[in-house]
C-alpha atoms as a PDB file:
ATOM      1  CA  MET A   1       8.993 -11.499  32.777  1.00  0.00           C
ATOM      2  CA  TYR A   2       8.117  -9.848  29.605  1.00  0.00           C
ATOM      3  CA  GLY A   3       8.490 -12.278  26.810  1.00  0.00           C
ATOM      4  CA  LEU A   4       8.310 -15.248  28.852  1.00  0.00           C
ATOM      5  CA  GLU A   5       4.661 -15.547  29.048  1.00  0.00           C
ATOM      6  CA  LYS A   6       3.414 -18.973  28.486  1.00  0.00           C
ATOM      7  CA  ASN A   7       0.702 -18.117  26.317  1.00  0.00           C
ATOM      8  CA  PRO A   8       2.259 -16.135  23.287  1.00  0.00           C
ATOM      9  CA  LYS A   9      -0.406 -13.907  21.750  1.00  0.00           C
ATOM     10  CA  GLU A  10      -1.878 -14.702  18.349  1.00  0.00           C
ATOM     11  CA  LYS A  11      -0.278 -12.981  15.335  1.00  0.00           C
ATOM     12  CA  PHE A  12      -2.558  -9.671  14.249  1.00  0.00           C
ATOM     13  CA  ASN A  13      -3.443  -9.880  10.546  1.00  0.00           C
ATOM     14  CA  PHE A  14      -4.626  -6.527   9.056  1.00  0.00           C
ATOM     15  CA  ASP A  15      -7.876  -6.696   6.998  1.00  0.00           C
ATOM     16  CA  LEU A  16      -6.004  -6.283   3.822  1.00  0.00           C
ATOM     17  CA  GLU A  17      -3.722  -8.883   4.680  1.00  0.00           C
ATOM     18  CA  VAL A  18      -6.652 -11.286   5.161  1.00  0.00           C
ATOM     19  CA  ASP A  19      -8.231 -10.193   2.163  1.00  0.00           C
ATOM     20  CA  ILE A  20      -5.254 -10.808   0.052  1.00  0.00           C
ATOM     21  CA  SER A  21      -4.554 -14.307   1.453  1.00  0.00           C
ATOM     22  CA  GLN A  22      -8.350 -15.424   0.606  1.00  0.00           C
ATOM     23  CA  ASN A  23      -8.226 -13.875  -2.728  1.00  0.00           C
ATOM     24  CA  PRO A  24      -4.711 -13.507  -4.205  1.00  0.00           C
ATOM     25  CA  LYS A  25      -6.470 -12.252  -7.708  1.00  0.00           C
ATOM     26  CA  LYS A  26      -7.593  -9.195  -5.895  1.00  0.00           C
ATOM     27  CA  ALA A  27      -3.682  -8.115  -5.037  1.00  0.00           C
ATOM     28  CA  LYS A  28      -2.871  -8.358  -8.776  1.00  0.00           C
ATOM     29  CA  GLU A  29      -5.896  -5.944  -9.540  1.00  0.00           C
ATOM     30  CA  MET A  30      -4.835  -3.662  -6.789  1.00  0.00           C
ATOM     31  CA  MET A  31      -1.374  -3.593  -8.076  1.00  0.00           C
ATOM     32  CA  LYS A  32      -2.513  -2.858 -11.412  1.00  0.00           C
ATOM     33  CA  MET A  33      -4.861   0.092 -10.433  1.00  0.00           C
ATOM     34  CA  ILE A  34      -2.066   1.393  -8.021  1.00  0.00           C
ATOM     35  CA  GLU A  35       0.592   1.372 -10.962  1.00  0.00           C
ATOM     36  CA  ASN A  36      -1.735   3.296 -13.144  1.00  0.00           C
ATOM     37  CA  ASN A  37      -2.534   5.599 -10.372  1.00  0.00           C
ATOM     38  CA  ILE A  38       1.211   6.230  -9.613  1.00  0.00           C
ATOM     39  CA  SER A  39       2.010   6.943 -13.577  1.00  0.00           C
ATOM     40  CA  ASN A  40      -1.073   9.423 -13.632  1.00  0.00           C
ATOM     41  CA  ILE A  41      -0.026  11.200 -10.856  1.00  0.00           C
ATOM     42  CA  LYS A  42       3.473  11.377 -12.150  1.00  0.00           C
ATOM     43  CA  ARG A  43       2.544  12.632 -15.369  1.00  0.00           C
ATOM     44  CA  ASP A  44       0.617  15.579 -13.594  1.00  0.00           C
ATOM     45  CA  LEU A  45       3.514  16.212 -11.464  1.00  0.00           C
ATOM     46  CA  LYS A  46       5.673  16.888 -14.509  1.00  0.00           C
ATOM     47  CA  LYS A  47       3.000  19.160 -16.100  1.00  0.00           C
ATOM     48  CA  GLY A  48       3.311  21.470 -13.169  1.00  0.00           C
ATOM     49  CA  ASP A  49       0.526  23.338 -11.336  1.00  0.00           C
ATOM     50  CA  LYS A  50      -0.444  25.082  -8.246  1.00  0.00           C
ATOM     51  CA  PRO A  51       2.078  24.443  -5.342  1.00  0.00           C
ATOM     52  CA  GLU A  52      -0.858  23.636  -3.243  1.00  0.00           C
ATOM     53  CA  LYS A  53      -2.074  20.970  -5.779  1.00  0.00           C
ATOM     54  CA  LEU A  54       1.582  19.863  -6.315  1.00  0.00           C
ATOM     55  CA  ASP A  55       1.892  19.372  -2.454  1.00  0.00           C
ATOM     56  CA  LYS A  56      -1.453  16.983  -2.266  1.00  0.00           C
ATOM     57  CA  LEU A  57      -0.335  15.263  -5.269  1.00  0.00           C
ATOM     58  CA  GLY A  58       3.025  14.427  -3.509  1.00  0.00           C
ATOM     59  CA  VAL A  59       1.455  13.322  -0.769  1.00  0.00           C
ATOM     60  CA  LEU A  60      -0.980  10.962  -2.643  1.00  0.00           C
ATOM     61  CA  LEU A  61       1.879   9.617  -4.439  1.00  0.00           C
ATOM     62  CA  GLN A  62       3.733   8.881  -1.454  1.00  0.00           C
ATOM     63  CA  GLY A  63       0.660   6.747  -0.011  1.00  0.00           C
ATOM     64  CA  TYR A  64       0.448   4.824  -3.284  1.00  0.00           C
ATOM     65  CA  MET A  65       4.157   3.918  -3.179  1.00  0.00           C
ATOM     66  CA  SER A  66       3.862   2.811   0.285  1.00  0.00           C
ATOM     67  CA  LEU A  67       0.392   0.900  -0.436  1.00  0.00           C
ATOM     68  CA  SER A  68       2.554  -0.912  -3.346  1.00  0.00           C
ATOM     69  CA  LYS A  69       5.214  -1.815  -0.974  1.00  0.00           C
ATOM     70  CA  VAL A  70       2.627  -3.377   1.650  1.00  0.00           C
ATOM     71  CA  LEU A  71       1.207  -5.397  -1.184  1.00  0.00           C
ATOM     72  CA  THR A  72       4.174  -6.705  -2.483  1.00  0.00           C
ATOM     73  CA  LYS A  73       5.070  -7.852   1.094  1.00  0.00           C
ATOM     74  CA  VAL A  74       1.626  -9.449   1.777  1.00  0.00           C
ATOM     75  CA  GLN A  75       1.964 -11.206  -1.273  1.00  0.00           C
ATOM     76  CA  ARG A  76       5.146 -12.861  -0.585  1.00  0.00           C
ATOM     77  CA  THR A  77       4.280 -14.100   2.737  1.00  0.00           C
END
């Protein structure tokens, strides 16, 4: 039956998780870079520009915010 196997599968770790667990300083450097990029993108969004560029910046901002959340989760574990 599903879930009752005798040999449970090993936990899968993403490359980023492995890198952070091996080198915790890398996470701090990445967070600093991400925070800097987020502030730059927000500044550019406030300035305003062509709608196409603003859409791309919005998507990029969401990606950096997601990466920031993932890094904080990985650092806690």
